């Protein structure tokens, strides 16, 4: 199918309310569209020198065989849900983003992701040597910024949010079961479920950086 990129982008985008914020979620299954979104985001972020404006959260959703199916990146009020199993080629701008030192990536499970087989499989899929060059565990970041050593191994988003002063809202996904992340199309409620943790991680990371650069 040769769908114009602008039309494909519109077809792949929906707005959802998550943690009290209206977020634009992009469900992306074409490498060219990944490259387009990442290029625009990088350009926008580089116009600001503050680290909190160059922050991404990162999450990975796997199937029952621990094969990565979704790579989720959140920044500002946008989340990119990259459907790894459907990319016809590897997105150059995504690989380049991970290799640059101008951006910071946070996750409550960052060290777990980087130490696991997920990293190797992501490297195979995206043709990169590591899943993320500048990845930081949220627990470590919170411990350093808040001067609280009890947080250094913390992975609970609820506890990290409380420590950082971020209010999280639990999803009201009545009747929504965790879908097979290898599916081609998701409902709006399933998209909310997919980005719930990643956007919480972004909000926590942003709040922590705000405490440094206030």
N, C-alpha and C. Protein backbone atom coordinates (compact mmCIF):
# COMPACT_ATOMS: atom_id res chain seq x y z
N UNK A 1 0.85 -1.20 0.00
CA UNK A 1 0.00 0.00 0.00
C UNK A 1 0.88 1.25 0.00
N UNK A 2 0.61 2.16 -0.93
CA UNK A 2 1.32 3.42 -0.99
C UNK A 2 0.41 4.54 -0.50
N UNK A 3 0.40 4.72 0.81
CA UNK A 3 -0.44 5.75 1.42
C UNK A 3 0.41 6.99 1.66
N UNK A 4 -0.05 8.17 1.25
CA UNK A 4 0.72 9.39 1.52
C UNK A 4 1.05 9.50 3.01
N UNK A 5 2.27 9.95 3.30
CA UNK A 5 2.75 9.98 4.68
C UNK A 5 1.86 10.83 5.58
N UNK A 6 1.40 11.97 5.05
CA UNK A 6 0.56 12.85 5.87
C UNK A 6 -0.77 12.18 6.21
N UNK A 7 -1.33 11.46 5.25
CA UNK A 7 -2.59 10.74 5.50
C UNK A 7 -2.35 9.59 6.46
N UNK A 8 -1.26 8.88 6.28
CA UNK A 8 -0.92 7.77 7.17
C UNK A 8 -0.75 8.26 8.60
N UNK A 9 -0.13 9.43 8.75
CA UNK A 9 0.07 10.00 10.08
C UNK A 9 -1.27 10.32 10.74
N UNK A 10 -2.19 10.90 9.97
CA UNK A 10 -3.51 11.22 10.52
C UNK A 10 -4.28 9.97 10.91
N UNK A 11 -4.16 8.93 10.08
CA UNK A 11 -4.85 7.68 10.35
C UNK A 11 -4.31 6.99 11.59
N UNK A 12 -3.04 7.27 11.92
CA UNK A 12 -2.35 6.54 12.99
C UNK A 12 -2.36 7.28 14.32
N UNK A 13 -3.06 8.40 14.39
CA UNK A 13 -2.99 9.27 15.57
C UNK A 13 -4.34 9.35 16.27
N UNK A 14 -4.29 9.32 17.60
CA UNK A 14 -5.52 9.57 18.37
C UNK A 14 -5.15 10.30 19.65
N UNK A 15 -6.10 11.04 20.19
CA UNK A 15 -5.88 11.77 21.43
C UNK A 15 -6.55 11.02 22.57
N UNK A 16 -5.81 10.88 23.67
CA UNK A 16 -6.34 10.19 24.84
C UNK A 16 -6.02 11.00 26.09
N UNK A 17 -6.85 10.84 27.09
CA UNK A 17 -6.60 11.47 28.39
C UNK A 17 -5.88 10.46 29.27
N UNK A 18 -4.72 10.84 29.77
CA UNK A 18 -3.96 9.94 30.63
C UNK A 18 -3.23 10.73 31.70
N UNK A 19 -3.42 10.32 32.94
CA UNK A 19 -2.85 11.03 34.10
C UNK A 19 -3.26 12.50 34.08
N UNK A 20 -4.47 12.78 33.61
CA UNK A 20 -4.98 14.14 33.61
C UNK A 20 -4.45 15.01 32.49
N UNK A 21 -3.75 14.42 31.53
CA UNK A 21 -3.16 15.18 30.43
C UNK A 21 -3.73 14.66 29.12
N UNK A 22 -4.01 15.57 28.19
CA UNK A 22 -4.45 15.18 26.85
C UNK A 22 -3.20 14.87 26.03
N UNK A 23 -3.05 13.61 25.67
CA UNK A 23 -1.84 13.15 25.00
C UNK A 23 -2.18 12.69 23.59
N UNK A 24 -1.32 13.08 22.64
CA UNK A 24 -1.48 12.63 21.27
C UNK A 24 -0.65 11.37 21.09
N UNK A 25 -1.32 10.26 20.83
CA UNK A 25 -0.64 8.97 20.68
C UNK A 25 -0.57 8.59 19.21
N UNK A 26 0.61 8.16 18.78
CA UNK A 26 0.84 7.79 17.39
C UNK A 26 1.17 6.29 17.33
N UNK A 27 0.31 5.52 16.72
CA UNK A 27 0.54 4.08 16.54
C UNK A 27 1.17 3.90 15.16
N UNK A 28 2.46 3.52 15.14
CA UNK A 28 3.25 3.62 13.90
C UNK A 28 3.75 2.24 13.46
N UNK A 29 3.41 1.89 12.22
CA UNK A 29 3.86 0.61 11.69
C UNK A 29 4.67 0.77 10.39
N UNK A 30 5.11 2.00 10.08
CA UNK A 30 5.93 2.27 8.90
C UNK A 30 7.21 3.01 9.32
N UNK A 31 8.34 2.52 8.82
CA UNK A 31 9.63 3.12 9.19
C UNK A 31 9.71 4.58 8.78
N UNK A 32 9.18 4.91 7.59
CA UNK A 32 9.25 6.30 7.11
C UNK A 32 8.49 7.23 8.05
N UNK A 33 7.39 6.75 8.62
CA UNK A 33 6.62 7.58 9.54
C UNK A 33 7.34 7.72 10.88
N UNK A 34 8.02 6.66 11.31
CA UNK A 34 8.85 6.77 12.52
C UNK A 34 9.90 7.85 12.31
N UNK A 35 10.61 7.78 11.17
CA UNK A 35 11.66 8.75 10.88
C UNK A 35 11.12 10.17 10.85
N UNK A 36 9.94 10.35 10.25
CA UNK A 36 9.34 11.68 10.16
C UNK A 36 9.01 12.25 11.54
N UNK A 37 8.37 11.44 12.38
CA UNK A 37 8.01 11.90 13.73
C UNK A 37 9.26 12.20 14.56
N UNK A 38 10.24 11.31 14.51
CA UNK A 38 11.45 11.50 15.31
C UNK A 38 12.22 12.73 14.85
N UNK A 39 12.31 12.94 13.55
CA UNK A 39 13.02 14.11 13.03
C UNK A 39 12.36 15.40 13.51
N UNK A 40 11.04 15.46 13.45
CA UNK A 40 10.32 16.65 13.90
C UNK A 40 10.51 16.87 15.40
N UNK A 41 10.45 15.80 16.16
CA UNK A 41 10.60 15.91 17.62
C UNK A 41 11.99 16.35 18.00
N UNK A 42 13.01 15.78 17.36
CA UNK A 42 14.40 16.16 17.64
C UNK A 42 14.62 17.64 17.35
N UNK A 43 14.11 18.11 16.21
CA UNK A 43 14.29 19.52 15.85
C UNK A 43 13.65 20.43 16.88
N UNK A 44 12.45 20.07 17.31
CA UNK A 44 11.74 20.86 18.32
C UNK A 44 12.49 20.87 19.64
N UNK A 45 12.99 19.71 20.05
CA UNK A 45 13.68 19.60 21.33
C UNK A 45 15.01 20.35 21.34
N UNK A 46 15.73 20.29 20.23
CA UNK A 46 17.06 20.91 20.19
C UNK A 46 17.00 22.42 20.22
N UNK A 47 15.81 22.98 20.02
CA UNK A 47 15.67 24.44 20.09
C UNK A 47 15.71 24.94 21.53
N UNK A 48 15.63 24.00 22.48
CA UNK A 48 15.67 24.35 23.91
C UNK A 48 16.86 23.67 24.57
N UNK A 49 17.61 24.41 25.37
CA UNK A 49 18.83 23.88 25.98
C UNK A 49 18.57 23.15 27.29
N UNK A 50 17.36 23.26 27.85
CA UNK A 50 17.08 22.64 29.13
C UNK A 50 16.93 21.13 28.98
N UNK A 51 17.52 20.37 29.91
CA UNK A 51 17.46 18.91 29.83
C UNK A 51 16.05 18.39 29.91
N UNK A 52 15.19 19.06 30.69
CA UNK A 52 13.83 18.54 30.83
C UNK A 52 13.05 18.65 29.52
N UNK A 53 13.55 19.49 28.61
CA UNK A 53 12.92 19.60 27.30
C UNK A 53 13.54 18.63 26.29
N UNK A 54 14.49 17.83 26.74
CA UNK A 54 15.11 16.82 25.87
C UNK A 54 14.96 15.43 26.49
N UNK A 55 13.86 15.26 27.15
CA UNK A 55 13.60 14.03 27.89
C UNK A 55 12.61 13.14 27.16
N UNK A 56 12.92 11.86 27.10
CA UNK A 56 12.01 10.83 26.62
C UNK A 56 11.83 9.80 27.73
N UNK A 57 10.64 9.24 27.83
CA UNK A 57 10.50 8.00 28.59
C UNK A 57 10.49 6.87 27.58
N UNK A 58 10.88 5.70 28.05
CA UNK A 58 11.01 4.55 27.16
C UNK A 58 10.39 3.32 27.81
N UNK A 59 9.60 2.61 27.03
CA UNK A 59 9.01 1.37 27.52
C UNK A 59 8.99 0.37 26.37
N UNK A 60 8.98 -0.89 26.71
CA UNK A 60 8.94 -1.96 25.72
C UNK A 60 7.84 -2.94 26.12
N UNK A 61 7.00 -3.28 25.18
CA UNK A 61 5.98 -4.30 25.39
C UNK A 61 6.38 -5.55 24.59
N UNK A 62 6.40 -6.69 25.26
CA UNK A 62 6.82 -7.93 24.61
C UNK A 62 5.65 -8.91 24.49
N UNK A 63 5.86 -9.92 23.65
CA UNK A 63 4.85 -10.98 23.55
C UNK A 63 5.17 -12.09 24.55
N UNK A 64 4.44 -13.19 24.47
CA UNK A 64 4.62 -14.28 25.43
C UNK A 64 5.99 -14.94 25.34
N UNK A 65 6.70 -14.71 24.24
CA UNK A 65 8.05 -15.27 24.06
C UNK A 65 9.14 -14.25 24.37
N UNK A 66 8.75 -13.14 24.98
CA UNK A 66 9.67 -12.07 25.35
C UNK A 66 10.30 -11.38 24.14
N UNK A 67 9.63 -11.46 23.00
CA UNK A 67 10.08 -10.76 21.80
C UNK A 67 9.47 -9.36 21.80
N UNK A 68 10.27 -8.30 21.67
CA UNK A 68 9.73 -6.94 21.68
C UNK A 68 8.76 -6.71 20.53
N UNK A 69 7.58 -6.22 20.84
CA UNK A 69 6.58 -5.92 19.83
C UNK A 69 6.32 -4.42 19.71
N UNK A 70 6.33 -3.73 20.84
CA UNK A 70 6.10 -2.29 20.84
C UNK A 70 7.25 -1.58 21.54
N UNK A 71 7.77 -0.56 20.89
CA UNK A 71 8.73 0.35 21.52
C UNK A 71 7.99 1.66 21.71
N UNK A 72 7.90 2.12 22.96
CA UNK A 72 7.10 3.30 23.27
C UNK A 72 8.01 4.42 23.77
N UNK A 73 7.90 5.57 23.14
CA UNK A 73 8.65 6.76 23.53
C UNK A 73 7.65 7.88 23.79
N UNK A 74 7.78 8.54 24.93
CA UNK A 74 6.91 9.66 25.27
C UNK A 74 7.74 10.91 25.53
N UNK A 75 7.27 12.03 25.02
CA UNK A 75 7.95 13.31 25.25
C UNK A 75 6.91 14.42 25.11
N UNK A 76 6.90 15.35 26.06
CA UNK A 76 5.91 16.42 26.02
C UNK A 76 4.51 15.85 26.14
N UNK A 77 3.67 16.15 25.18
CA UNK A 77 2.32 15.60 25.18
C UNK A 77 2.14 14.64 24.00
N UNK A 78 3.22 13.97 23.63
CA UNK A 78 3.15 13.00 22.53
C UNK A 78 3.75 11.67 22.96
N UNK A 79 3.15 10.59 22.48
CA UNK A 79 3.70 9.26 22.68
C UNK A 79 3.75 8.55 21.33
N UNK A 80 4.88 7.93 21.06
CA UNK A 80 5.07 7.19 19.82
C UNK A 80 5.09 5.70 20.15
N UNK A 81 4.12 4.98 19.60
CA UNK A 81 4.02 3.54 19.82
C UNK A 81 4.49 2.87 18.53
N UNK A 82 5.71 2.39 18.54
CA UNK A 82 6.34 1.87 17.33
C UNK A 82 6.15 0.36 17.28
N UNK A 83 5.46 -0.09 16.24
CA UNK A 83 5.13 -1.51 16.09
C UNK A 83 6.27 -2.23 15.38
N UNK A 84 7.19 -2.74 16.18
CA UNK A 84 8.45 -3.27 15.65
C UNK A 84 8.25 -4.40 14.65
N UNK A 85 7.26 -5.24 14.88
CA UNK A 85 7.07 -6.39 14.02
C UNK A 85 6.58 -6.07 12.62
N UNK A 86 6.14 -4.82 12.40
CA UNK A 86 5.58 -4.45 11.10
C UNK A 86 6.47 -3.48 10.31
N UNK A 87 7.59 -3.07 10.88
CA UNK A 87 8.46 -2.14 10.16
C UNK A 87 9.11 -2.85 8.98
N UNK A 88 8.98 -2.26 7.80
CA UNK A 88 9.53 -2.87 6.61
C UNK A 88 11.04 -2.63 6.47
N UNK A 89 11.56 -1.69 7.23
CA UNK A 89 13.00 -1.42 7.27
C UNK A 89 13.28 -0.74 8.59
N UNK A 90 14.55 -0.58 8.94
CA UNK A 90 14.84 0.04 10.22
C UNK A 90 14.84 1.56 10.08
N UNK A 91 14.27 2.27 11.05
CA UNK A 91 14.19 3.74 10.99
C UNK A 91 15.54 4.36 11.37
N UNK A 92 16.16 5.03 10.44
CA UNK A 92 17.48 5.61 10.69
C UNK A 92 17.43 6.64 11.81
N UNK A 93 16.42 7.51 11.79
CA UNK A 93 16.36 8.57 12.79
C UNK A 93 16.19 8.03 14.21
N UNK A 94 15.54 6.90 14.33
CA UNK A 94 15.37 6.29 15.65
C UNK A 94 16.71 5.75 16.15
N UNK A 95 17.43 5.05 15.29
CA UNK A 95 18.76 4.56 15.66
C UNK A 95 19.68 5.71 16.02
N UNK A 96 19.60 6.78 15.23
CA UNK A 96 20.44 7.96 15.47
C UNK A 96 20.07 8.63 16.79
N UNK A 97 18.78 8.67 17.10
CA UNK A 97 18.32 9.28 18.36
C UNK A 97 18.94 8.58 19.56
N UNK A 98 18.95 7.24 19.54
CA UNK A 98 19.49 6.48 20.65
C UNK A 98 21.00 6.68 20.81
N UNK A 99 21.68 7.05 19.74
CA UNK A 99 23.14 7.17 19.79
C UNK A 99 23.61 8.55 20.22
N UNK A 100 22.71 9.51 20.28
CA UNK A 100 23.10 10.89 20.59
C UNK A 100 23.11 11.15 22.09
N UNK A 101 24.00 12.04 22.48
CA UNK A 101 24.13 12.39 23.90
C UNK A 101 23.31 13.62 24.26
N UNK A 102 22.57 14.15 23.31
CA UNK A 102 21.78 15.35 23.56
C UNK A 102 20.44 15.05 24.22
N UNK A 103 20.10 13.76 24.31
CA UNK A 103 18.79 13.38 24.83
C UNK A 103 18.94 12.42 25.99
N UNK A 104 17.94 12.43 26.85
CA UNK A 104 17.93 11.59 28.04
C UNK A 104 16.70 10.69 27.99
N UNK A 105 16.89 9.40 28.32
CA UNK A 105 15.80 8.43 28.30
C UNK A 105 15.63 7.86 29.71
N UNK A 106 14.40 7.81 30.19
CA UNK A 106 14.15 7.30 31.54
C UNK A 106 13.13 6.18 31.51
N UNK A 107 13.28 5.27 32.45
CA UNK A 107 12.31 4.18 32.65
C UNK A 107 12.51 3.63 34.04
N UNK A 108 11.44 3.21 34.67
CA UNK A 108 11.56 2.56 35.97
C UNK A 108 12.24 1.21 35.84
N UNK A 109 12.26 0.66 34.62
CA UNK A 109 12.86 -0.65 34.37
C UNK A 109 14.08 -0.56 33.46
N UNK A 110 14.71 0.62 33.39
CA UNK A 110 15.77 0.81 32.41
C UNK A 110 16.90 -0.21 32.54
N UNK A 111 17.44 -0.39 33.75
CA UNK A 111 18.56 -1.32 33.91
C UNK A 111 18.13 -2.74 33.59
N UNK A 112 16.89 -3.08 33.92
CA UNK A 112 16.37 -4.40 33.61
C UNK A 112 16.26 -4.59 32.10
N UNK A 113 15.77 -3.58 31.42
CA UNK A 113 15.64 -3.65 29.96
C UNK A 113 17.02 -3.76 29.31
N UNK A 114 17.96 -2.95 29.77
CA UNK A 114 19.28 -2.93 29.14
C UNK A 114 20.09 -4.18 29.44
N UNK A 115 19.79 -4.86 30.54
CA UNK A 115 20.54 -6.08 30.89
C UNK A 115 19.90 -7.34 30.32
N UNK A 116 18.68 -7.23 29.84
CA UNK A 116 17.95 -8.43 29.44
C UNK A 116 18.14 -8.73 27.97
N UNK A 117 17.54 -9.85 27.56
CA UNK A 117 17.61 -10.24 26.15
C UNK A 117 16.83 -9.28 25.27
N UNK A 118 15.98 -8.44 25.88
CA UNK A 118 15.22 -7.47 25.11
C UNK A 118 16.17 -6.55 24.35
N UNK A 119 17.28 -6.17 25.02
CA UNK A 119 18.24 -5.28 24.38
C UNK A 119 18.81 -5.90 23.12
N UNK A 120 19.20 -7.15 23.21
CA UNK A 120 19.78 -7.83 22.05
C UNK A 120 18.75 -7.91 20.92
N UNK A 121 17.52 -8.23 21.27
CA UNK A 121 16.49 -8.36 20.25
C UNK A 121 16.15 -7.01 19.64
N UNK A 122 16.13 -5.94 20.45
CA UNK A 122 15.92 -4.61 19.91
C UNK A 122 17.06 -4.23 18.98
N UNK A 123 18.27 -4.60 19.36
CA UNK A 123 19.42 -4.32 18.52
C UNK A 123 19.32 -5.00 17.17
N UNK A 124 18.82 -6.22 17.17
CA UNK A 124 18.63 -6.94 15.91
C UNK A 124 17.56 -6.27 15.06
N UNK A 125 16.47 -5.87 15.69
CA UNK A 125 15.36 -5.29 14.95
C UNK A 125 15.73 -3.91 14.40
N UNK A 126 16.38 -3.09 15.21
CA UNK A 126 16.65 -1.71 14.83
C UNK A 126 18.05 -1.50 14.27
N UNK A 127 18.83 -2.58 14.17
CA UNK A 127 20.19 -2.50 13.63
C UNK A 127 21.08 -1.58 14.45
N UNK A 128 20.87 -1.60 15.78
CA UNK A 128 21.72 -0.80 16.65
C UNK A 128 22.36 -1.71 17.67
N UNK A 129 23.49 -1.27 18.21
CA UNK A 129 24.25 -2.12 19.12
C UNK A 129 23.69 -2.18 20.52
N UNK A 130 22.89 -1.20 20.90
CA UNK A 130 22.30 -1.17 22.24
C UNK A 130 20.94 -0.53 22.13
N UNK A 131 20.06 -0.90 23.05
CA UNK A 131 18.70 -0.37 23.00
C UNK A 131 18.68 1.13 23.28
N UNK A 132 19.59 1.60 24.12
CA UNK A 132 19.56 3.00 24.50
C UNK A 132 20.89 3.40 25.11
N UNK A 133 21.53 4.41 24.57
CA UNK A 133 22.85 4.83 25.04
C UNK A 133 22.77 5.64 26.33
N UNK A 134 21.79 6.51 26.43
CA UNK A 134 21.71 7.43 27.57
C UNK A 134 20.48 7.13 28.43
N UNK A 135 20.34 5.87 28.81
CA UNK A 135 19.20 5.46 29.62
C UNK A 135 19.48 5.58 31.11
N UNK A 136 18.49 6.07 31.85
CA UNK A 136 18.63 6.26 33.29
C UNK A 136 17.46 5.58 34.00
N UNK A 137 17.77 4.84 35.05
CA UNK A 137 16.72 4.28 35.89
C UNK A 137 16.05 5.41 36.66
N UNK A 138 14.73 5.44 36.65
CA UNK A 138 14.01 6.47 37.40
C UNK A 138 14.32 6.41 38.89
N UNK A 139 14.47 5.19 39.42
CA UNK A 139 14.80 5.06 40.84
C UNK A 139 16.12 5.73 41.17
N UNK A 140 17.11 5.50 40.32
CA UNK A 140 18.43 6.13 40.53
C UNK A 140 18.33 7.65 40.43
N UNK A 141 17.60 8.13 39.41
CA UNK A 141 17.44 9.57 39.24
C UNK A 141 16.75 10.18 40.46
N UNK A 142 15.68 9.53 40.92
CA UNK A 142 14.94 10.05 42.07
C UNK A 142 15.81 10.06 43.32
N UNK A 143 16.58 9.01 43.51
CA UNK A 143 17.46 8.93 44.69
C UNK A 143 18.48 10.06 44.68
N UNK A 144 19.07 10.35 43.52
CA UNK A 144 20.09 11.40 43.42
C UNK A 144 19.47 12.80 43.57
N UNK A 145 18.38 13.03 42.87
CA UNK A 145 17.78 14.37 42.88
C UNK A 145 17.16 14.69 44.24
N UNK A 146 16.47 13.70 44.82
CA UNK A 146 15.77 13.92 46.08
C UNK A 146 16.62 13.60 47.30
N UNK A 147 17.85 13.15 47.05
CA UNK A 147 18.79 12.80 48.15
C UNK A 147 18.17 11.76 49.08
N UNK A 148 17.58 10.74 48.45
CA UNK A 148 16.89 9.69 49.20
C UNK A 148 17.40 8.32 48.73
N UNK A 149 18.36 7.75 49.46
CA UNK A 149 18.95 6.47 49.02
C UNK A 149 17.95 5.31 48.99
N UNK A 150 16.84 5.44 49.70
CA UNK A 150 15.85 4.36 49.71
C UNK A 150 15.20 4.16 48.34
N UNK A 151 15.33 5.14 47.47
CA UNK A 151 14.67 5.08 46.17
C UNK A 151 15.53 4.47 45.07
N UNK A 152 16.79 4.21 45.36
CA UNK A 152 17.73 3.88 44.28
C UNK A 152 17.36 2.62 43.52
N UNK A 153 16.72 1.64 44.19
CA UNK A 153 16.29 0.41 43.51
C UNK A 153 14.78 0.37 43.27
N UNK A 154 14.12 1.49 43.52
CA UNK A 154 12.66 1.51 43.44
C UNK A 154 12.16 1.46 42.00
N UNK A 155 11.20 0.55 41.75
CA UNK A 155 10.61 0.45 40.42
C UNK A 155 9.11 0.72 40.43
N UNK A 156 8.54 0.91 41.62
CA UNK A 156 7.11 1.18 41.70
C UNK A 156 6.83 2.61 41.22
N UNK A 157 6.03 2.74 40.18
CA UNK A 157 5.71 4.07 39.67
C UNK A 157 4.92 4.87 40.70
N UNK A 158 4.08 4.20 41.46
CA UNK A 158 3.29 4.90 42.47
C UNK A 158 4.20 5.51 43.53
N UNK A 159 5.19 4.76 44.00
CA UNK A 159 6.10 5.27 45.03
C UNK A 159 7.01 6.36 44.48
N UNK A 160 7.49 6.19 43.26
CA UNK A 160 8.35 7.20 42.66
C UNK A 160 7.57 8.49 42.39
N UNK A 161 6.33 8.34 41.96
CA UNK A 161 5.49 9.52 41.72
C UNK A 161 5.22 10.27 43.02
N UNK A 162 4.92 9.54 44.06
CA UNK A 162 4.67 10.17 45.37
C UNK A 162 5.90 10.93 45.85
N UNK A 163 7.08 10.31 45.69
CA UNK A 163 8.32 10.96 46.13
C UNK A 163 8.61 12.22 45.32
N UNK A 164 8.29 12.19 44.03
CA UNK A 164 8.58 13.32 43.15
C UNK A 164 7.51 14.40 43.21
N UNK A 165 6.33 14.07 43.77
CA UNK A 165 5.25 15.03 43.83
C UNK A 165 4.39 15.04 42.58
N UNK A 166 4.25 13.87 41.95
CA UNK A 166 3.44 13.73 40.74
C UNK A 166 2.19 12.94 41.07
N UNK A 167 1.04 13.41 40.60
CA UNK A 167 -0.22 12.70 40.82
C UNK A 167 -0.52 11.83 39.61
N UNK A 168 -0.60 10.53 39.83
CA UNK A 168 -0.94 9.60 38.76
C UNK A 168 -2.40 9.19 38.91
N UNK A 169 -3.02 8.93 37.80
CA UNK A 169 -4.40 8.47 37.80
C UNK A 169 -4.46 7.06 37.23
N UNK A 170 -5.06 6.17 37.98
CA UNK A 170 -5.18 4.80 37.50
C UNK A 170 -6.15 4.76 36.32
N UNK A 171 -5.86 3.93 35.35
CA UNK A 171 -6.73 3.86 34.17
C UNK A 171 -8.09 3.26 34.52
N UNK A 172 -9.12 3.84 33.95
CA UNK A 172 -10.47 3.28 34.12
C UNK A 172 -10.82 2.55 32.83
N UNK A 173 -10.27 1.37 32.71
CA UNK A 173 -10.39 0.60 31.48
C UNK A 173 -11.35 -0.57 31.68
N UNK A 174 -12.59 -0.25 31.88
CA UNK A 174 -13.59 -1.27 32.17
C UNK A 174 -13.70 -2.24 31.00
N UNK A 175 -13.50 -3.52 31.29
CA UNK A 175 -13.64 -4.53 30.26
C UNK A 175 -12.48 -4.64 29.30
N UNK A 176 -11.44 -3.83 29.51
CA UNK A 176 -10.30 -3.87 28.61
C UNK A 176 -9.24 -4.83 29.14
N UNK A 177 -8.99 -5.89 28.42
CA UNK A 177 -7.95 -6.83 28.81
C UNK A 177 -6.65 -6.45 28.13
N UNK A 178 -5.55 -6.89 28.73
CA UNK A 178 -4.26 -6.65 28.09
C UNK A 178 -4.26 -7.34 26.73
N UNK A 179 -4.08 -6.57 25.65
CA UNK A 179 -4.17 -7.17 24.32
C UNK A 179 -2.87 -7.89 23.94
N UNK A 180 -2.93 -8.62 22.86
CA UNK A 180 -1.71 -9.16 22.27
C UNK A 180 -0.98 -7.98 21.63
N UNK A 181 0.21 -7.67 22.15
CA UNK A 181 0.91 -6.48 21.68
C UNK A 181 1.40 -6.60 20.24
N UNK A 182 1.26 -7.78 19.67
CA UNK A 182 1.64 -7.97 18.26
C UNK A 182 0.52 -7.61 17.30
N UNK A 183 -0.64 -7.20 17.82
CA UNK A 183 -1.77 -6.84 16.95
C UNK A 183 -1.42 -5.65 16.07
N UNK A 184 -2.09 -5.54 14.94
CA UNK A 184 -1.82 -4.44 14.00
C UNK A 184 -2.58 -3.17 14.38
N UNK A 185 -3.78 -3.35 14.95
CA UNK A 185 -4.64 -2.21 15.28
C UNK A 185 -5.12 -2.37 16.72
N UNK A 186 -5.19 -1.22 17.45
CA UNK A 186 -5.65 -1.22 18.83
C UNK A 186 -6.80 -0.23 18.99
N UNK A 187 -7.67 -0.51 19.96
CA UNK A 187 -8.70 0.46 20.31
C UNK A 187 -8.06 1.61 21.07
N UNK A 188 -8.80 2.71 21.22
CA UNK A 188 -8.30 3.85 21.99
C UNK A 188 -8.00 3.45 23.43
N UNK A 189 -8.83 2.58 24.01
CA UNK A 189 -8.61 2.14 25.39
C UNK A 189 -7.35 1.28 25.49
N UNK A 190 -7.10 0.46 24.50
CA UNK A 190 -5.88 -0.36 24.50
C UNK A 190 -4.64 0.51 24.32
N UNK A 191 -4.76 1.58 23.54
CA UNK A 191 -3.65 2.51 23.39
C UNK A 191 -3.34 3.20 24.71
N UNK A 192 -4.39 3.57 25.44
CA UNK A 192 -4.18 4.16 26.77
C UNK A 192 -3.45 3.18 27.68
N UNK A 193 -3.82 1.92 27.61
CA UNK A 193 -3.16 0.90 28.41
C UNK A 193 -1.70 0.75 28.02
N UNK A 194 -1.42 0.82 26.72
CA UNK A 194 -0.05 0.67 26.23
C UNK A 194 0.86 1.77 26.73
N UNK A 195 0.37 3.02 26.75
CA UNK A 195 1.24 4.14 27.10
C UNK A 195 1.13 4.56 28.56
N UNK A 196 0.27 3.89 29.34
CA UNK A 196 0.02 4.31 30.72
C UNK A 196 1.31 4.43 31.53
N UNK A 197 2.12 3.39 31.55
CA UNK A 197 3.35 3.40 32.34
C UNK A 197 4.38 4.36 31.76
N UNK A 198 4.52 4.34 30.44
CA UNK A 198 5.53 5.19 29.81
C UNK A 198 5.26 6.67 30.06
N UNK A 199 3.98 7.07 29.99
CA UNK A 199 3.71 8.49 30.21
C UNK A 199 3.85 8.85 31.69
N UNK A 200 3.55 7.92 32.58
CA UNK A 200 3.81 8.16 34.00
C UNK A 200 5.30 8.37 34.23
N UNK A 201 6.12 7.56 33.59
CA UNK A 201 7.58 7.69 33.72
C UNK A 201 8.06 9.04 33.18
N UNK A 202 7.46 9.48 32.09
CA UNK A 202 7.83 10.80 31.56
C UNK A 202 7.50 11.90 32.56
N UNK A 203 6.31 11.87 33.12
CA UNK A 203 5.90 12.90 34.07
C UNK A 203 6.81 12.93 35.29
N UNK A 204 7.18 11.75 35.78
CA UNK A 204 8.07 11.68 36.95
C UNK A 204 9.45 12.21 36.60
N UNK A 205 9.99 11.77 35.47
CA UNK A 205 11.31 12.24 35.05
C UNK A 205 11.33 13.74 34.84
N UNK A 206 10.29 14.27 34.21
CA UNK A 206 10.22 15.72 33.98
C UNK A 206 10.19 16.48 35.30
N UNK A 207 9.40 15.97 36.25
CA UNK A 207 9.29 16.64 37.56
C UNK A 207 10.63 16.64 38.29
N UNK A 208 11.35 15.54 38.19
CA UNK A 208 12.67 15.46 38.84
C UNK A 208 13.65 16.44 38.22
N UNK A 209 13.65 16.53 36.89
CA UNK A 209 14.55 17.48 36.24
C UNK A 209 14.14 18.91 36.54
N UNK A 210 12.84 19.14 36.70
CA UNK A 210 12.34 20.46 37.06
C UNK A 210 12.88 20.90 38.42
N UNK A 211 13.05 19.94 39.32
CA UNK A 211 13.58 20.26 40.65
C UNK A 211 15.05 20.70 40.56
N UNK A 212 15.76 20.20 39.55
CA UNK A 212 17.16 20.59 39.37
C UNK A 212 17.26 21.97 38.74
N UNK A 213 16.42 22.22 37.74
CA UNK A 213 16.54 23.44 36.94
C UNK A 213 15.44 24.45 37.21
N UNK A 214 14.87 24.41 38.42
CA UNK A 214 13.81 25.34 38.74
C UNK A 214 14.37 26.77 38.89
